Amino acid sequence: MPNIKSAIKRVSVTEHKTIRNRMVKSQTKTAIHKFDAAVKNNTANDELLRKASSAVDKAASKGVISKNAANREKARMASELARA
């Protein structure tokens, strides 16, 4: 445990950011899993793709995932929808 006041604050801030990042990443993964399940059931549509893409974009804008990873994930989902 840190003794210096600024170090104590950094630990607290890091904990809060970790919680936020974990929540955002979880929401993103949930949206992607729902889309993937819909593709497997042949019930996927543009609405699910839009929601999943939005979740991925939000995660990228908050710095939880990189911009390239977000674009790669969106491209993967779009190609899956086109194949279905």
N, C-alpha and C. Protein backbone atom coordinates (compact mmCIF):
# COMPACT_ATOMS: atom_id res chain seq x y z
N MET A 1 0.84 -1.17 0.00
CA MET A 1 0.00 0.00 0.00
C MET A 1 0.89 1.24 0.00
N PRO A 2 0.58 2.18 -0.87
CA PRO A 2 1.42 3.37 -0.93
C PRO A 2 1.24 4.28 0.29
N ASN A 3 2.30 5.01 0.58
CA ASN A 3 2.26 5.95 1.71
C ASN A 3 2.06 7.39 1.26
N ILE A 4 2.47 7.69 0.05
CA ILE A 4 2.40 9.05 -0.46
C ILE A 4 0.97 9.34 -0.94
N LYS A 5 0.51 10.56 -0.64
CA LYS A 5 -0.87 10.93 -0.94
C LYS A 5 -1.20 10.80 -2.43
N SER A 6 -0.31 11.25 -3.30
CA SER A 6 -0.57 11.17 -4.75
C SER A 6 -0.60 9.73 -5.22
N ALA A 7 0.23 8.87 -4.63
CA ALA A 7 0.24 7.46 -5.00
C ALA A 7 -1.05 6.78 -4.56
N ILE A 8 -1.55 7.17 -3.39
CA ILE A 8 -2.83 6.63 -2.91
C ILE A 8 -3.94 7.00 -3.88
N LYS A 9 -3.93 8.26 -4.32
CA LYS A 9 -4.95 8.72 -5.26
C LYS A 9 -4.84 7.96 -6.58
N ARG A 10 -3.62 7.71 -7.07
CA ARG A 10 -3.45 6.99 -8.33
C ARG A 10 -4.02 5.58 -8.24
N VAL A 11 -3.84 4.93 -7.08
CA VAL A 11 -4.39 3.59 -6.88
C VAL A 11 -5.92 3.65 -6.97
N SER A 12 -6.51 4.65 -6.33
CA SER A 12 -7.96 4.80 -6.35
C SER A 12 -8.47 5.06 -7.76
N VAL A 13 -7.81 5.96 -8.48
CA VAL A 13 -8.23 6.30 -9.83
C VAL A 13 -8.10 5.09 -10.76
N THR A 14 -7.02 4.35 -10.60
CA THR A 14 -6.80 3.16 -11.42
C THR A 14 -7.89 2.13 -11.18
N GLU A 15 -8.30 1.97 -9.92
CA GLU A 15 -9.38 1.03 -9.61
C GLU A 15 -10.68 1.44 -10.28
N HIS A 16 -11.00 2.73 -10.24
CA HIS A 16 -12.23 3.20 -10.87
C HIS A 16 -12.18 3.02 -12.38
N LYS A 17 -11.05 3.32 -12.98
CA LYS A 17 -10.93 3.16 -14.44
C LYS A 17 -11.00 1.70 -14.84
N THR A 18 -10.42 0.82 -14.01
CA THR A 18 -10.45 -0.61 -14.30
C THR A 18 -11.88 -1.12 -14.28
N ILE A 19 -12.65 -0.67 -13.31
CA ILE A 19 -14.06 -1.08 -13.23
C ILE A 19 -14.82 -0.60 -14.45
N ARG A 20 -14.61 0.67 -14.84
CA ARG A 20 -15.30 1.21 -16.01
C ARG A 20 -14.92 0.45 -17.27
N ASN A 21 -13.62 0.20 -17.44
CA ASN A 21 -13.16 -0.51 -18.63
C ASN A 21 -13.73 -1.92 -18.68
N ARG A 22 -13.80 -2.57 -17.52
CA ARG A 22 -14.34 -3.93 -17.48
C ARG A 22 -15.82 -3.93 -17.87
N MET A 23 -16.57 -2.91 -17.40
CA MET A 23 -17.99 -2.83 -17.75
C MET A 23 -18.17 -2.60 -19.24
N VAL A 24 -17.39 -1.69 -19.81
CA VAL A 24 -17.51 -1.39 -21.24
C VAL A 24 -17.15 -2.60 -22.07
N LYS A 25 -16.08 -3.29 -21.69
CA LYS A 25 -15.65 -4.46 -22.43
C LYS A 25 -16.69 -5.57 -22.34
N SER A 26 -17.31 -5.73 -21.18
CA SER A 26 -18.33 -6.74 -21.00
C SER A 26 -19.56 -6.44 -21.86
N GLN A 27 -19.98 -5.18 -21.90
CA GLN A 27 -21.12 -4.80 -22.73
C GLN A 27 -20.83 -5.03 -24.20
N THR A 28 -19.60 -4.74 -24.61
CA THR A 28 -19.21 -4.95 -26.00
C THR A 28 -19.25 -6.43 -26.34
N LYS A 29 -18.67 -7.25 -25.47
CA LYS A 29 -18.65 -8.68 -25.73
C LYS A 29 -20.06 -9.25 -25.77
N THR A 30 -20.95 -8.76 -24.90
CA THR A 30 -22.33 -9.23 -24.88
C THR A 30 -23.02 -8.91 -26.21
N ALA A 31 -22.83 -7.71 -26.72
CA ALA A 31 -23.44 -7.32 -28.00
C ALA A 31 -22.90 -8.18 -29.13
N ILE A 32 -21.61 -8.46 -29.11
CA ILE A 32 -21.00 -9.29 -30.16
C ILE A 32 -21.52 -10.72 -30.07
N HIS A 33 -21.64 -11.26 -28.85
CA HIS A 33 -22.14 -12.62 -28.68
C HIS A 33 -23.59 -12.74 -29.12
N LYS A 34 -24.40 -11.71 -28.85
CA LYS A 34 -25.79 -11.74 -29.31
C LYS A 34 -25.84 -11.76 -30.83
N PHE A 35 -24.99 -10.96 -31.46
CA PHE A 35 -24.94 -10.94 -32.92
C PHE A 35 -24.51 -12.29 -33.46
N ASP A 36 -23.46 -12.88 -32.88
CA ASP A 36 -22.96 -14.18 -33.34
C ASP A 36 -24.02 -15.26 -33.18
N ALA A 37 -24.77 -15.22 -32.07
CA ALA A 37 -25.83 -16.20 -31.85
C ALA A 37 -26.93 -16.04 -32.88
N ALA A 38 -27.25 -14.80 -33.22
CA ALA A 38 -28.28 -14.56 -34.24
C ALA A 38 -27.82 -15.05 -35.61
N VAL A 39 -26.53 -14.91 -35.90
CA VAL A 39 -26.01 -15.40 -37.19
C VAL A 39 -26.13 -16.92 -37.24
N LYS A 40 -25.81 -17.59 -36.14
CA LYS A 40 -25.90 -19.06 -36.10
C LYS A 40 -27.35 -19.52 -36.27
N ASN A 41 -28.31 -18.75 -35.75
CA ASN A 41 -29.72 -19.11 -35.85
C ASN A 41 -30.37 -18.58 -37.11
N ASN A 42 -29.59 -17.93 -37.97
CA ASN A 42 -30.08 -17.32 -39.20
C ASN A 42 -31.16 -16.27 -38.93
N THR A 43 -31.04 -15.56 -37.82
CA THR A 43 -31.99 -14.50 -37.50
C THR A 43 -31.29 -13.14 -37.43
N ALA A 44 -30.06 -13.08 -37.91
CA ALA A 44 -29.30 -11.82 -37.84
C ALA A 44 -29.90 -10.81 -38.80
N ASN A 45 -29.87 -9.54 -38.40
CA ASN A 45 -30.35 -8.47 -39.25
C ASN A 45 -29.48 -7.23 -39.06
N ASP A 46 -29.79 -6.19 -39.81
CA ASP A 46 -29.00 -4.97 -39.75
C ASP A 46 -29.09 -4.30 -38.38
N GLU A 47 -30.21 -4.48 -37.70
CA GLU A 47 -30.38 -3.85 -36.38
C GLU A 47 -29.37 -4.39 -35.38
N LEU A 48 -29.20 -5.71 -35.35
CA LEU A 48 -28.22 -6.30 -34.43
C LEU A 48 -26.81 -5.89 -34.80
N LEU A 49 -26.52 -5.83 -36.08
CA LEU A 49 -25.19 -5.39 -36.53
C LEU A 49 -24.95 -3.95 -36.10
N ARG A 50 -25.96 -3.10 -36.22
CA ARG A 50 -25.81 -1.70 -35.85
C ARG A 50 -25.56 -1.56 -34.35
N LYS A 51 -26.29 -2.33 -33.53
CA LYS A 51 -26.10 -2.26 -32.09
C LYS A 51 -24.71 -2.76 -31.69
N ALA A 52 -24.28 -3.86 -32.28
CA ALA A 52 -22.96 -4.41 -31.95
C ALA A 52 -21.86 -3.46 -32.42
N SER A 53 -22.02 -2.89 -33.60
CA SER A 53 -21.02 -1.95 -34.12
C SER A 53 -20.95 -0.71 -33.24
N SER A 54 -22.09 -0.26 -32.76
CA SER A 54 -22.14 0.90 -31.88
C SER A 54 -21.40 0.61 -30.58
N ALA A 55 -21.61 -0.58 -30.03
CA ALA A 55 -20.94 -0.95 -28.78
C ALA A 55 -19.43 -1.02 -28.99
N VAL A 56 -19.01 -1.55 -30.13
CA VAL A 56 -17.57 -1.64 -30.43
C VAL A 56 -16.99 -0.25 -30.61
N ASP A 57 -17.71 0.63 -31.29
CA ASP A 57 -17.23 2.01 -31.48
C ASP A 57 -17.10 2.75 -30.15
N LYS A 58 -18.07 2.55 -29.26
CA LYS A 58 -18.01 3.21 -27.96
C LYS A 58 -16.81 2.72 -27.16
N ALA A 59 -16.53 1.43 -27.23
CA ALA A 59 -15.37 0.89 -26.52
C ALA A 59 -14.08 1.46 -27.09
N ALA A 60 -14.03 1.63 -28.41
CA ALA A 60 -12.83 2.20 -29.03
C ALA A 60 -12.68 3.67 -28.68
N SER A 61 -13.79 4.40 -28.62
CA SER A 61 -13.70 5.82 -28.32
C SER A 61 -13.26 6.06 -26.88
N LYS A 62 -13.56 5.11 -25.99
CA LYS A 62 -13.16 5.25 -24.59
C LYS A 62 -11.77 4.67 -24.34
N GLY A 63 -11.17 4.09 -25.37
CA GLY A 63 -9.82 3.57 -25.23
C GLY A 63 -9.74 2.19 -24.64
N VAL A 64 -10.87 1.50 -24.54
CA VAL A 64 -10.87 0.16 -23.97
C VAL A 64 -10.27 -0.83 -24.96
N ILE A 65 -10.60 -0.66 -26.24
CA ILE A 65 -9.96 -1.44 -27.30
C ILE A 65 -9.40 -0.46 -28.31
N SER A 66 -8.47 -0.93 -29.12
CA SER A 66 -7.84 -0.04 -30.08
C SER A 66 -8.77 0.20 -31.27
N LYS A 67 -8.50 1.26 -32.01
CA LYS A 67 -9.31 1.61 -33.17
C LYS A 67 -9.24 0.52 -34.23
N ASN A 68 -8.05 -0.02 -34.43
CA ASN A 68 -7.89 -1.08 -35.43
C ASN A 68 -8.65 -2.35 -35.03
N ALA A 69 -8.62 -2.69 -33.75
CA ALA A 69 -9.36 -3.86 -33.28
C ALA A 69 -10.85 -3.66 -33.47
N ALA A 70 -11.33 -2.45 -33.24
CA ALA A 70 -12.75 -2.15 -33.42
C ALA A 70 -13.13 -2.28 -34.90
N ASN A 71 -12.31 -1.73 -35.78
CA ASN A 71 -12.61 -1.83 -37.21
C ASN A 71 -12.56 -3.27 -37.69
N ARG A 72 -11.61 -4.04 -37.18
CA ARG A 72 -11.51 -5.45 -37.55
C ARG A 72 -12.74 -6.22 -37.10
N GLU A 73 -13.21 -5.95 -35.90
CA GLU A 73 -14.39 -6.64 -35.37
C GLU A 73 -15.64 -6.27 -36.17
N LYS A 74 -15.79 -4.99 -36.51
CA LYS A 74 -16.95 -4.56 -37.30
C LYS A 74 -16.92 -5.18 -38.68
N ALA A 75 -15.75 -5.26 -39.30
CA ALA A 75 -15.63 -5.87 -40.63
C ALA A 75 -15.97 -7.36 -40.57
N ARG A 76 -15.53 -8.03 -39.51
CA ARG A 76 -15.82 -9.45 -39.35
C ARG A 76 -17.33 -9.68 -39.22
N MET A 77 -17.99 -8.84 -38.44
CA MET A 77 -19.44 -9.00 -38.26
C MET A 77 -20.18 -8.69 -39.56
N ALA A 78 -19.75 -7.69 -40.29
CA ALA A 78 -20.42 -7.34 -41.56
C ALA A 78 -20.28 -8.46 -42.56
N SER A 79 -19.10 -9.07 -42.63
CA SER A 79 -18.93 -10.17 -43.59
C SER A 79 -19.74 -11.38 -43.19
N GLU A 80 -19.87 -11.63 -41.87
CA GLU A 80 -20.70 -12.74 -41.41
C GLU A 80 -22.17 -12.51 -41.77
N LEU A 81 -22.62 -11.28 -41.63
CA LEU A 81 -24.00 -10.95 -41.98
C LEU A 81 -24.22 -11.11 -43.48
N ALA A 82 -23.24 -10.72 -44.28
CA ALA A 82 -23.37 -10.84 -45.73
C ALA A 82 -23.42 -12.31 -46.14
N ARG A 83 -22.65 -13.15 -45.46
CA ARG A 83 -22.65 -14.59 -45.77
C ARG A 83 -23.95 -15.26 -45.36
N ALA A 84 -24.59 -14.75 -44.30
CA ALA A 84 -25.80 -15.41 -43.76
C ALA A 84 -27.01 -15.15 -44.64
